[in-house]
PDB file of N, CA and C in Angstrom:
ATOM      1  N   LYS A   1      99.954  38.619 117.403  1.00  0.00           N
ATOM      2  CA  LYS A   1      98.494  38.583 117.382  1.00  0.00           C
ATOM      3  C   LYS A   1      98.008  38.472 118.825  1.00  0.00           C
ATOM      4  N   TYR A   2      97.028  39.297 119.166  1.00  0.00           N
ATOM      5  CA  TYR A   2      96.549  39.361 120.549  1.00  0.00           C
ATOM      6  C   TYR A   2      95.042  39.143 120.631  1.00  0.00           C
ATOM      7  N   VAL A   3      94.623  38.524 121.718  1.00  0.00           N
ATOM      8  CA  VAL A   3      93.230  38.567 122.137  1.00  0.00           C
ATOM      9  C   VAL A   3      93.239  39.364 123.441  1.00  0.00           C
ATOM     10  N   ILE A   4      92.314  40.294 123.542  1.00  0.00           N
ATOM     11  CA  ILE A   4      92.254  41.192 124.688  1.00  0.00           C
ATOM     12  C   ILE A   4      91.063  40.790 125.547  1.00  0.00           C
ATOM     13  N   VAL A   5      91.327  40.483 126.815  1.00  0.00           N
ATOM     14  CA  VAL A   5      90.261  40.128 127.761  1.00  0.00           C
ATOM     15  C   VAL A   5      90.037  41.331 128.656  1.00  0.00           C
ATOM     16  N   ILE A   6      88.815  41.822 128.646  1.00  0.00           N
ATOM     17  CA  ILE A   6      88.462  43.015 129.417  1.00  0.00           C
ATOM     18  C   ILE A   6      87.511  42.592 130.523  1.00  0.00           C
ATOM     19  N   ARG A   7      87.894  42.873 131.771  1.00  0.00           N
ATOM     20  CA  ARG A   7      87.135  42.446 132.947  1.00  0.00           C
ATOM     21  C   ARG A   7      86.593  43.609 133.783  1.00  0.00           C
ATOM     22  N   SER A   8      87.157  44.774 133.639  1.00  0.00           N
ATOM     23  CA  SER A   8      86.873  45.893 134.548  1.00  0.00           C
ATOM     24  C   SER A   8      85.472  46.469 134.342  1.00  0.00           C
ATOM     25  N   ALA A   9      84.859  46.831 135.442  1.00  0.00           N
ATOM     26  CA  ALA A   9      83.512  47.411 135.420  1.00  0.00           C
ATOM     27  C   ALA A   9      83.492  48.705 134.608  1.00  0.00           C
ATOM     28  N   PRO A  10      82.390  48.986 133.947  1.00  0.00           N
ATOM     29  CA  PRO A  10      82.308  50.182 133.109  1.00  0.00           C
ATOM     30  C   PRO A  10      82.222  51.490 133.885  1.00  0.00           C
ATOM     31  N   ALA A  11      82.169  51.429 135.187  1.00  0.00           N
ATOM     32  CA  ALA A  11      82.049  52.661 135.973  1.00  0.00           C
ATOM     33  C   ALA A  11      83.312  53.514 135.915  1.00  0.00           C
ATOM     34  N   ASN A  12      84.441  52.922 135.550  1.00  0.00           N
ATOM     35  CA  ASN A  12      85.700  53.652 135.532  1.00  0.00           C
ATOM     36  C   ASN A  12      86.053  54.079 134.110  1.00  0.00           C
ATOM     37  N   LEU A  13      85.574  55.250 133.729  1.00  0.00           N
ATOM     38  CA  LEU A  13      85.791  55.771 132.377  1.00  0.00           C
ATOM     39  C   LEU A  13      87.275  55.888 132.056  1.00  0.00           C
ATOM     40  N   ASP A  14      88.062  56.449 132.960  1.00  0.00           N
ATOM     41  CA  ASP A  14      89.487  56.667 132.686  1.00  0.00           C
ATOM     42  C   ASP A  14      90.218  55.360 132.405  1.00  0.00           C
ATOM     43  N   LEU A  15      89.888  54.321 133.143  1.00  0.00           N
ATOM     44  CA  LEU A  15      90.533  53.030 132.951  1.00  0.00           C
ATOM     45  C   LEU A  15      90.202  52.459 131.572  1.00  0.00           C
ATOM     46  N   HIS A  16      88.940  52.513 131.178  1.00  0.00           N
ATOM     47  CA  HIS A  16      88.544  51.985 129.866  1.00  0.00           C
ATOM     48  C   HIS A  16      89.131  52.824 128.736  1.00  0.00           C
ATOM     49  N   LEU A  17      89.216  54.126 128.917  1.00  0.00           N
ATOM     50  CA  LEU A  17      89.842  54.961 127.886  1.00  0.00           C
ATOM     51  C   LEU A  17      91.331  54.633 127.768  1.00  0.00           C
ATOM     52  N   PHE A  18      91.968  54.327 128.896  1.00  0.00           N
ATOM     53  CA  PHE A  18      93.365  53.884 128.868  1.00  0.00           C
ATOM     54  C   PHE A  18      93.483  52.574 128.086  1.00  0.00           C
ATOM     55  N   PHE A  19      92.570  51.628 128.328  1.00  0.00           N
ATOM     56  CA  PHE A  19      92.570  50.369 127.585  1.00  0.00           C
ATOM     57  C   PHE A  19      92.481  50.655 126.088  1.00  0.00           C
ATOM     58  N   ALA A  20      91.526  51.501 125.716  1.00  0.00           N
ATOM     59  CA  ALA A  20      91.311  51.805 124.304  1.00  0.00           C
ATOM     60  C   ALA A  20      92.546  52.462 123.690  1.00  0.00           C
ATOM     61  N   ASP A  21      93.179  53.368 124.416  1.00  0.00           N
ATOM     62  CA  ASP A  21      94.402  54.003 123.915  1.00  0.00           C
ATOM     63  C   ASP A  21      95.522  52.971 123.749  1.00  0.00           C
ATOM     64  N   THR A  22      95.597  52.010 124.669  1.00  0.00           N
ATOM     65  CA  THR A  22      96.595  50.948 124.567  1.00  0.00           C
ATOM     66  C   THR A  22      96.336  50.094 123.326  1.00  0.00           C
ATOM     67  N   LEU A  23      95.080  49.814 123.060  1.00  0.00           N
ATOM     68  CA  LEU A  23      94.730  49.048 121.861  1.00  0.00           C
ATOM     69  C   LEU A  23      95.091  49.826 120.602  1.00  0.00           C
ATOM     70  N   ASP A  24      94.831  51.120 120.612  1.00  0.00           N
ATOM     71  CA  ASP A  24      95.219  51.964 119.475  1.00  0.00           C
ATOM     72  C   ASP A  24      96.722  51.889 119.234  1.00  0.00           C
ATOM     73  N   ALA A  25      97.506  51.931 120.318  1.00  0.00           N
ATOM     74  CA  ALA A  25      98.964  51.870 120.191  1.00  0.00           C
ATOM     75  C   ALA A  25      99.409  50.524 119.610  1.00  0.00           C
ATOM     76  N   LEU A  26      98.765  49.445 120.031  1.00  0.00           N
ATOM     77  CA  LEU A  26      99.084  48.131 119.458  1.00  0.00           C
ATOM     78  C   LEU A  26      98.806  48.110 117.961  1.00  0.00           C
ATOM     79  N   LEU A  27      97.657  48.624 117.581  1.00  0.00           N
ATOM     80  CA  LEU A  27      97.292  48.634 116.166  1.00  0.00           C
ATOM     81  C   LEU A  27      98.230  49.527 115.359  1.00  0.00           C
ATOM     82  N   ALA A  28      98.632  50.643 115.930  1.00  0.00           N
ATOM     83  CA  ALA A  28      99.545  51.562 115.243  1.00  0.00           C
ATOM     84  C   ALA A  28     100.919  50.944 115.032  1.00  0.00           C
ATOM     85  N   SER A  29     101.277  49.982 115.873  1.00  0.00           N
ATOM     86  CA  SER A  29     102.575  49.313 115.729  1.00  0.00           C
ATOM     87  C   SER A  29     102.449  48.025 114.905  1.00  0.00           C
ATOM     88  N   ASP A  30     101.379  47.944 114.123  1.00  0.00           N
ATOM     89  CA  ASP A  30     101.131  46.812 113.217  1.00  0.00           C
ATOM     90  C   ASP A  30     100.911  45.485 113.923  1.00  0.00           C
ATOM     91  N   GLN A  31     100.452  45.542 115.163  1.00  0.00           N
ATOM     92  CA  GLN A  31     100.065  44.321 115.869  1.00  0.00           C
ATOM     93  C   GLN A  31      98.613  44.002 115.512  1.00  0.00           C
ATOM     94  N   GLU A  32      98.306  42.737 115.434  1.00  0.00           N
ATOM     95  CA  GLU A  32      96.946  42.317 115.108  1.00  0.00           C
ATOM     96  C   GLU A  32      96.181  41.994 116.384  1.00  0.00           C
ATOM     97  N   ILE A  33      94.958  42.466 116.455  1.00  0.00           N
ATOM     98  CA  ILE A  33      94.071  42.127 117.564  1.00  0.00           C
ATOM     99  C   ILE A  33      92.998  41.194 117.008  1.00  0.00           C
ATOM    100  N   ALA A  34      93.002  39.954 117.491  1.00  0.00           N
ATOM    101  CA  ALA A  34      92.079  38.944 116.989  1.00  0.00           C
ATOM    102  C   ALA A  34      90.662  39.178 117.487  1.00  0.00           C
ATOM    103  N   ALA A  35      90.528  39.658 118.731  1.00  0.00           N
ATOM    104  CA  ALA A  35      89.197  39.882 119.309  1.00  0.00           C
ATOM    105  C   ALA A  35      89.330  40.607 120.638  1.00  0.00           C
ATOM    106  N   LEU A  36      88.254  41.257 121.013  1.00  0.00           N
ATOM    107  CA  LEU A  36      88.089  41.793 122.363  1.00  0.00           C
ATOM    108  C   LEU A  36      87.055  40.915 123.040  1.00  0.00           C
ATOM    109  N   PHE A  37      87.406  40.352 124.182  1.00  0.00           N
ATOM    110  CA  PHE A  37      86.510  39.452 124.917  1.00  0.00           C
ATOM    111  C   PHE A  37      86.142  40.121 126.236  1.00  0.00           C
ATOM    112  N   PHE A  38      84.869  40.455 126.404  1.00  0.00           N
ATOM    113  CA  PHE A  38      84.370  41.141 127.588  1.00  0.00           C
ATOM    114  C   PHE A  38      83.777  40.116 128.540  1.00  0.00           C
ATOM    115  N   THR A  39      84.249  40.121 129.785  1.00  0.00           N
ATOM    116  CA  THR A  39      83.753  39.176 130.776  1.00  0.00           C
ATOM    117  C   THR A  39      83.643  39.868 132.133  1.00  0.00           C
ATOM    118  N   ASP A  40      83.172  39.142 133.117  1.00  0.00           N
ATOM    119  CA  ASP A  40      82.972  39.682 134.461  1.00  0.00           C
ATOM    120  C   ASP A  40      82.164  40.986 134.360  1.00  0.00           C
ATOM    121  N   ALA A  41      82.511  41.990 135.130  1.00  0.00           N
ATOM    122  CA  ALA A  41      81.737  43.240 135.148  1.00  0.00           C
ATOM    123  C   ALA A  41      81.783  43.971 133.814  1.00  0.00           C
ATOM    124  N   ALA A  42      82.825  43.748 133.012  1.00  0.00           N
ATOM    125  CA  ALA A  42      82.947  44.447 131.731  1.00  0.00           C
ATOM    126  C   ALA A  42      81.913  43.990 130.707  1.00  0.00           C
ATOM    127  N   ALA A  43      81.286  42.842 130.920  1.00  0.00           N
ATOM    128  CA  ALA A  43      80.289  42.363 129.965  1.00  0.00           C
ATOM    129  C   ALA A  43      79.182  43.390 129.755  1.00  0.00           C
ATOM    130  N   SER A  44      78.844  44.130 130.788  1.00  0.00           N
ATOM    131  CA  SER A  44      77.765  45.114 130.649  1.00  0.00           C
ATOM    132  C   SER A  44      78.163  46.302 129.774  1.00  0.00           C
ATOM    133  N   CYS A  45      79.441  46.436 129.452  1.00  0.00           N
ATOM    134  CA  CYS A  45      79.868  47.499 128.526  1.00  0.00           C
ATOM    135  C   CYS A  45      79.175  47.356 127.176  1.00  0.00           C
ATOM    136  N   LEU A  46      78.778  46.134 126.826  1.00  0.00           N
ATOM    137  CA  LEU A  46      78.211  45.869 125.506  1.00  0.00           C
ATOM    138  C   LEU A  46      76.687  45.851 125.488  1.00  0.00           C
ATOM    139  N   SER A  47      76.074  46.385 126.520  1.00  0.00           N
ATOM    140  CA  SER A  47      74.621  46.495 126.558  1.00  0.00           C
ATOM    141  C   SER A  47      74.183  47.719 125.758  1.00  0.00           C
ATOM    142  N   LYS A  48      73.102  47.563 125.020  1.00  0.00           N
ATOM    143  CA  LYS A  48      72.583  48.706 124.259  1.00  0.00           C
ATOM    144  C   LYS A  48      71.632  49.562 125.106  1.00  0.00           C
ATOM    145  N   ASN A  49      71.528  49.263 126.384  1.00  0.00           N
ATOM    146  CA  ASN A  49      70.598  49.975 127.252  1.00  0.00           C
ATOM    147  C   ASN A  49      71.194  51.206 127.929  1.00  0.00           C
ATOM    148  N   HIS A  50      72.410  51.599 127.556  1.00  0.00           N
ATOM    149  CA  HIS A  50      73.033  52.763 128.181  1.00  0.00           C
ATOM    150  C   HIS A  50      72.407  54.052 127.643  1.00  0.00           C
ATOM    151  N   GLN A  51      72.115  54.976 128.540  1.00  0.00           N
ATOM    152  CA  GLN A  51      71.571  56.260 128.123  1.00  0.00           C
ATOM    153  C   GLN A  51      72.669  57.113 127.508  1.00  0.00           C
ATOM    154  N   ALA A  52      72.278  57.974 126.578  1.00  0.00           N
ATOM    155  CA  ALA A  52      73.239  58.849 125.898  1.00  0.00           C
ATOM    156  C   ALA A  52      73.968  59.739 126.903  1.00  0.00           C
ATOM    157  N   ASN A  53      75.206  60.039 126.603  1.00  0.00           N
ATOM    158  CA  ASN A  53      76.055  60.947 127.387  1.00  0.00           C
ATOM    159  C   ASN A  53      76.349  60.466 128.804  1.00  0.00           C
ATOM    160  N   THR A  54      76.320  59.166 129.023  1.00  0.00           N
ATOM    161  CA  THR A  54      76.721  58.611 130.312  1.00  0.00           C
ATOM    162  C   THR A  54      78.129  58.043 130.162  1.00  0.00           C
ATOM    163  N   VAL A  55      78.760  57.752 131.288  1.00  0.00           N
ATOM    164  CA  VAL A  55      80.084  57.127 131.251  1.00  0.00           C
ATOM    165  C   VAL A  55      80.026  55.848 130.420  1.00  0.00           C
ATOM    166  N   GLN A  56      78.996  55.048 130.658  1.00  0.00           N
ATOM    167  CA  GLN A  56      78.881  53.775 129.957  1.00  0.00           C
ATOM    168  C   GLN A  56      78.716  53.961 128.453  1.00  0.00           C
ATOM    169  N   SER A  57      77.950  54.963 128.029  1.00  0.00           N
ATOM    170  CA  SER A  57      77.767  55.171 126.582  1.00  0.00           C
ATOM    171  C   SER A  57      79.057  55.659 125.939  1.00  0.00           C
ATOM    172  N   LYS A  58      79.850  56.434 126.663  1.00  0.00           N
ATOM    173  CA  LYS A  58      81.136  56.890 126.126  1.00  0.00           C
ATOM    174  C   LYS A  58      82.095  55.716 125.956  1.00  0.00           C
ATOM    175  N   ILE A  59      82.093  54.812 126.913  1.00  0.00           N
ATOM    176  CA  ILE A  59      82.934  53.617 126.815  1.00  0.00           C
ATOM    177  C   ILE A  59      82.479  52.760 125.632  1.00  0.00           C
ATOM    178  N   LEU A  60      81.179  52.552 125.515  1.00  0.00           N
ATOM    179  CA  LEU A  60      80.650  51.752 124.420  1.00  0.00           C
ATOM    180  C   LEU A  60      81.048  52.355 123.075  1.00  0.00           C
ATOM    181  N   GLN A  61      80.920  53.649 122.919  1.00  0.00           N
ATOM    182  CA  GLN A  61      81.278  54.291 121.656  1.00  0.00           C
ATOM    183  C   GLN A  61      82.745  54.067 121.311  1.00  0.00           C
ATOM    184  N   ARG A  62      83.588  54.089 122.309  1.00  0.00           N
ATOM    185  CA  ARG A  62      85.020  53.885 122.080  1.00  0.00           C
ATOM    186  C   ARG A  62      85.295  52.458 121.600  1.00  0.00           C
ATOM    187  N   TYR A  63      84.645  51.472 122.226  1.00  0.00           N
ATOM    188  CA  TYR A  63      84.849  50.088 121.794  1.00  0.00           C
ATOM    189  C   TYR A  63      84.211  49.818 120.425  1.00  0.00           C
ATOM    190  N   LEU A  64      83.137  50.509 120.112  1.00  0.00           N
ATOM    191  CA  LEU A  64      82.515  50.343 118.801  1.00  0.00           C
ATOM    192  C   LEU A  64      83.454  50.752 117.675  1.00  0.00           C
ATOM    193  N   GLN A  65      84.361  51.665 117.943  1.00  0.00           N
ATOM    194  CA  GLN A  65      85.346  52.054 116.929  1.00  0.00           C
ATOM    195  C   GLN A  65      86.197  50.853 116.522  1.00  0.00           C
ATOM    196  N   PHE A  66      86.499  49.975 117.471  1.00  0.00           N
ATOM    197  CA  PHE A  66      87.275  48.775 117.143  1.00  0.00           C
ATOM    198  C   PHE A  66      86.441  47.800 116.316  1.00  0.00           C
ATOM    199  N   ALA A  67      85.174  47.666 116.656  1.00  0.00           N
ATOM    200  CA  ALA A  67      84.289  46.792 115.878  1.00  0.00           C
ATOM    201  C   ALA A  67      84.175  47.297 114.441  1.00  0.00           C
ATOM    202  N   GLN A  68      84.099  48.600 114.264  1.00  0.00           N
ATOM    203  CA  GLN A  68      83.986  49.181 112.926  1.00  0.00           C
ATOM    204  C   GLN A  68      85.247  48.938 112.099  1.00  0.00           C
ATOM    205  N   SER A  69      86.366  48.703 112.770  1.00  0.00           N
ATOM    206  CA  SER A  69      87.601  48.407 112.037  1.00  0.00           C
ATOM    207  C   SER A  69      87.797  46.900 111.841  1.00  0.00           C
ATOM    208  N   GLY A  70      86.784  46.117 112.203  1.00  0.00           N
ATOM    209  CA  GLY A  70      86.816  44.682 111.934  1.00  0.00           C
ATOM    210  C   GLY A  70      87.249  43.794 113.081  1.00  0.00           C
ATOM    211  N   ILE A  71      87.446  44.348 114.253  1.00  0.00           N
ATOM    212  CA  ILE A  71      87.842  43.540 115.406  1.00  0.00           C
ATOM    213  C   ILE A  71      86.575  43.010 116.080  1.00  0.00           C
ATOM    214  N   PRO A  72      86.433  41.695 116.198  1.00  0.00           N
ATOM    215  CA  PRO A  72      85.228  41.136 116.821  1.00  0.00           C
ATOM    216  C   PRO A  72      85.121  41.519 118.304  1.00  0.00           C
ATOM    217  N   LEU A  73      83.903  41.850 118.703  1.00  0.00           N
ATOM    218  CA  LEU A  73      83.585  42.096 120.112  1.00  0.00           C
ATOM    219  C   LEU A  73      82.839  40.865 120.606  1.00  0.00           C
ATOM    220  N   LEU A  74      83.462  40.128 121.504  1.00  0.00           N
ATOM    221  CA  LEU A  74      82.861  38.921 122.063  1.00  0.00           C
ATOM    222  C   LEU A  74      82.491  39.183 123.515  1.00  0.00           C
ATOM    223  N   CYS A  75      81.331  38.718 123.910  1.00  0.00           N
ATOM    224  CA  CYS A  75      80.840  38.957 125.266  1.00  0.00           C
ATOM    225  C   CYS A  75      80.517  37.622 125.927  1.00  0.00           C
ATOM    226  N   CYS A  76      81.066  37.412 127.100  1.00  0.00           N
ATOM    227  CA  CYS A  76      80.770  36.202 127.860  1.00  0.00           C
ATOM    228  C   CYS A  76      79.280  36.183 128.205  1.00  0.00           C
ATOM    229  N   GLY A  77      78.587  35.205 127.674  1.00  0.00           N
ATOM    230  CA  GLY A  77      77.145  35.125 127.900  1.00  0.00           C
ATOM    231  C   GLY A  77      76.788  34.934 129.362  1.00  0.00           C
ATOM    232  N   GLN A  78      77.554  34.125 130.062  1.00  0.00           N
ATOM    233  CA  GLN A  78      77.282  33.880 131.475  1.00  0.00           C
ATOM    234  C   GLN A  78      77.468  35.163 132.287  1.00  0.00           C
ATOM    235  N   ALA A  79      78.515  35.912 132.013  1.00  0.00           N
ATOM    236  CA  ALA A  79      78.754  37.173 132.731  1.00  0.00           C
ATOM    237  C   ALA A  79      77.676  38.203 132.405  1.00  0.00           C
ATOM    238  N   PHE A  80      77.243  38.239 131.163  1.00  0.00           N
ATOM    239  CA  PHE A  80      76.200  39.172 130.740  1.00  0.00           C
ATOM    240  C   PHE A  80      74.900  38.880 131.485  1.00  0.00           C
ATOM    241  N   ARG A  81      74.518  37.604 131.512  1.00  0.00           N
ATOM    242  CA  ARG A  81      73.279  37.209 132.207  1.00  0.00           C
ATOM    243  C   ARG A  81      73.401  37.396 133.721  1.00  0.00           C
ATOM    244  N   ALA A  82      74.591  37.186 134.275  1.00  0.00           N
ATOM    245  CA  ALA A  82      74.789  37.339 135.721  1.00  0.00           C
ATOM    246  C   ALA A  82      74.541  38.774 136.171  1.00  0.00           C
ATOM    247  N   GLN A  83      74.619  39.708 135.253  1.00  0.00           N
ATOM    248  CA  GLN A  83      74.350  41.106 135.575  1.00  0.00           C
ATOM    249  C   GLN A  83      72.902  41.495 135.298  1.00  0.00           C
ATOM    250  N   GLY A  84      72.084  40.493 135.081  1.00  0.00           N
ATOM    251  CA  GLY A  84      70.659  40.739 134.875  1.00  0.00           C
ATOM    252  C   GLY A  84      70.320  41.194 133.470  1.00  0.00           C
ATOM    253  N   LEU A  85      71.231  40.999 132.529  1.00  0.00           N
ATOM    254  CA  LEU A  85      71.008  41.442 131.151  1.00  0.00           C
ATOM    255  C   LEU A  85      70.558  40.263 130.296  1.00  0.00           C
ATOM    256  N   LYS A  86      69.682  40.551 129.360  1.00  0.00           N
ATOM    257  CA  LYS A  86      69.176  39.512 128.462  1.00  0.00           C
ATOM    258  C   LYS A  86      69.859  39.639 127.110  1.00  0.00           C
ATOM    259  N   ALA A  87      69.886  38.538 126.384  1.00  0.00           N
ATOM    260  CA  ALA A  87      70.589  38.491 125.101  1.00  0.00           C
ATOM    261  C   ALA A  87      70.125  39.585 124.145  1.00  0.00           C
ATOM    262  N   ASP A  88      68.847  39.934 124.184  1.00  0.00           N
ATOM    263  CA  ASP A  88      68.362  40.953 123.246  1.00  0.00           C
ATOM    264  C   ASP A  88      68.825  42.368 123.591  1.00  0.00           C
ATOM    265  N   SER A  89      69.500  42.538 124.724  1.00  0.00           N
ATOM    266  CA  SER A  89      70.037  43.856 125.058  1.00  0.00           C
ATOM    267  C   SER A  89      71.513  43.997 124.659  1.00  0.00           C
ATOM    268  N   LEU A  90      72.076  42.955 124.036  1.00  0.00           N
ATOM    269  CA  LEU A  90      73.447  43.026 123.543  1.00  0.00           C
ATOM    270  C   LEU A  90      73.467  43.860 122.261  1.00  0.00           C
ATOM    271  N   ILE A  91      74.465  44.715 122.111  1.00  0.00           N
ATOM    272  CA  ILE A  91      74.572  45.510 120.889  1.00  0.00           C
ATOM    273  C   ILE A  91      74.734  44.585 119.683  1.00  0.00           C
ATOM    274  N   SER A  92      74.263  45.016 118.538  1.00  0.00           N
ATOM    275  CA  SER A  92      74.300  44.163 117.346  1.00  0.00           C
ATOM    276  C   SER A  92      75.722  43.895 116.862  1.00  0.00           C
ATOM    277  N   GLU A  93      76.669  44.754 117.218  1.00  0.00           N
ATOM    278  CA  GLU A  93      78.055  44.589 116.789  1.00  0.00           C
ATOM    279  C   GLU A  93      78.810  43.530 117.598  1.00  0.00           C
ATOM    280  N   ALA A  94      78.201  43.026 118.654  1.00  0.00           N
ATOM    281  CA  ALA A  94      78.854  42.042 119.525  1.00  0.00           C
ATOM    282  C   ALA A  94      78.188  40.681 119.381  1.00  0.00           C
ATOM    283  N   LYS A  95      78.899  39.676 119.854  1.00  0.00           N
ATOM    284  CA  LYS A  95      78.391  38.301 119.814  1.00  0.00           C
ATOM    285  C   LYS A  95      78.550  37.691 121.201  1.00  0.00           C
ATOM    286  N   LEU A  96      77.496  37.044 121.688  1.00  0.00           N
ATOM    287  CA  LEU A  96      77.614  36.294 122.940  1.00  0.00           C
ATOM    288  C   LEU A  96      78.484  35.077 122.684  1.00  0.00           C
ATOM    289  N   SER A  97      79.394  34.824 123.583  1.00  0.00           N
ATOM    290  CA  SER A  97      80.276  33.682 123.428  1.00  0.00           C
ATOM    291  C   SER A  97      80.631  33.151 124.808  1.00  0.00           C
ATOM    292  N   GLY A  98      81.574  32.257 124.849  1.00  0.00           N
ATOM    293  CA  GLY A  98      81.934  31.661 126.134  1.00  0.00           C
ATOM    294  C   GLY A  98      83.361  31.181 126.126  1.00  0.00           C
ATOM    295  N   ASN A  99      83.638  30.286 127.039  1.00  0.00           N
ATOM    296  CA  ASN A  99      84.998  29.790 127.195  1.00  0.00           C
ATOM    297  C   ASN A  99      85.493  29.035 125.969  1.00  0.00           C
ATOM    298  N   LEU A 100      84.603  28.395 125.231  1.00  0.00           N
ATOM    299  CA  LEU A 100      85.026  27.663 124.040  1.00  0.00           C
ATOM    300  C   LEU A 100      85.682  28.612 123.042  1.00  0.00           C
ATOM    301  N   GLU A 101      85.019  29.723 122.754  1.00  0.00           N
ATOM    302  CA  GLU A 101      85.592  30.691 121.820  1.00  0.00           C
ATOM    303  C   GLU A 101      86.895  31.275 122.359  1.00  0.00           C
ATOM    304  N   LEU A 102      86.912  31.561 123.644  1.00  0.00           N
ATOM    305  CA  LEU A 102      88.110  32.138 124.240  1.00  0.00           C
ATOM    306  C   LEU A 102      89.284  31.161 124.174  1.00  0.00           C
ATOM    307  N   THR A 103      89.049  29.892 124.481  1.00  0.00           N
ATOM    308  CA  THR A 103      90.150  28.921 124.478  1.00  0.00           C
ATOM    309  C   THR A 103      90.689  28.674 123.066  1.00  0.00           C
ATOM    310  N   GLN A 104      89.892  28.897 122.054  1.00  0.00           N
ATOM    311  CA  GLN A 104      90.379  28.739 120.678  1.00  0.00           C
ATOM    312  C   GLN A 104      91.486  29.743 120.359  1.00  0.00           C
ATOM    313  N   PHE A 105      91.503  30.854 121.056  1.00  0.00           N
ATOM    314  CA  PHE A 105      92.533  31.856 120.825  1.00  0.00           C
ATOM    315  C   PHE A 105      93.850  31.519 121.521  1.00  0.00           C
ATOM    316  N   PHE A 106      93.813  30.657 122.529  1.00  0.00           N
ATOM    317  CA  PHE A 106      95.020  30.374 123.315  1.00  0.00           C
ATOM    318  C   PHE A 106      96.164  29.817 122.463  1.00  0.00           C
ATOM    319  N   SER A 107      95.858  29.038 121.450  1.00  0.00           N
ATOM    320  CA  SER A 107      96.917  28.413 120.659  1.00  0.00           C
ATOM    321  C   SER A 107      97.526  29.355 119.622  1.00  0.00           C
ATOM    322  N   CYS A 108      96.840  30.436 119.309  1.00  0.00           N
ATOM    323  CA  CYS A 108      97.327  31.298 118.222  1.00  0.00           C
ATOM    324  C   CYS A 108      97.626  32.732 118.656  1.00  0.00           C
ATOM    325  N   CYS A 109      97.284  33.101 119.860  1.00  0.00           N
ATOM    326  CA  CYS A 109      97.366  34.509 120.247  1.00  0.00           C
ATOM    327  C   CYS A 109      97.982  34.682 121.629  1.00  0.00           C
ATOM    328  N   ALA A 110      98.622  35.818 121.783  1.00  0.00           N
ATOM    329  CA  ALA A 110      99.018  36.251 123.121  1.00  0.00           C
ATOM    330  C   ALA A 110      97.804  36.899 123.766  1.00  0.00           C
ATOM    331  N   MET A 111      97.714  36.813 125.054  1.00  0.00           N
ATOM    332  CA  MET A 111      96.557  37.386 125.747  1.00  0.00           C
ATOM    333  C   MET A 111      96.985  38.569 126.590  1.00  0.00           C
ATOM    334  N   LEU A 112      96.226  39.652 126.467  1.00  0.00           N
ATOM    335  CA  LEU A 112      96.366  40.799 127.346  1.00  0.00           C
ATOM    336  C   LEU A 112      95.078  40.919 128.128  1.00  0.00           C
ATOM    337  N   GLU A 113      95.193  41.155 129.416  1.00  0.00           N
ATOM    338  CA  GLU A 113      94.017  41.211 130.265  1.00  0.00           C
ATOM    339  C   GLU A 113      93.977  42.549 130.973  1.00  0.00           C
ATOM    340  N   PHE A 114      92.806  43.181 130.917  1.00  0.00           N
ATOM    341  CA  PHE A 114      92.594  44.471 131.569  1.00  0.00           C
ATOM    342  C   PHE A 114      91.470  44.362 132.573  1.00  0.00           C
TER     343      PHE A 114
END
């Protein structure tokens, strides 16, 4: 069982697509993903303010596929606000969270960080 911590800025489409492909491979090998936790620059990946057909919207669409399969998308509230984003700009499929939620995974999950 894994919790995935994503830190990388959304400007790098290839890197995020690699992350998503890696997650697909984990799921295909019957590994469980407990949650995706977006922090640092990656927190802005979960903003609903991205314009259509941009790098950021393509990344968001890819991560939404995981949410649709039942994997929680957690976003560090402090990192989200540090980028000038307000809570009402978070996508409805994600939840603002913090270190408390993240530390709850430490006892039950392996952590992968991107």
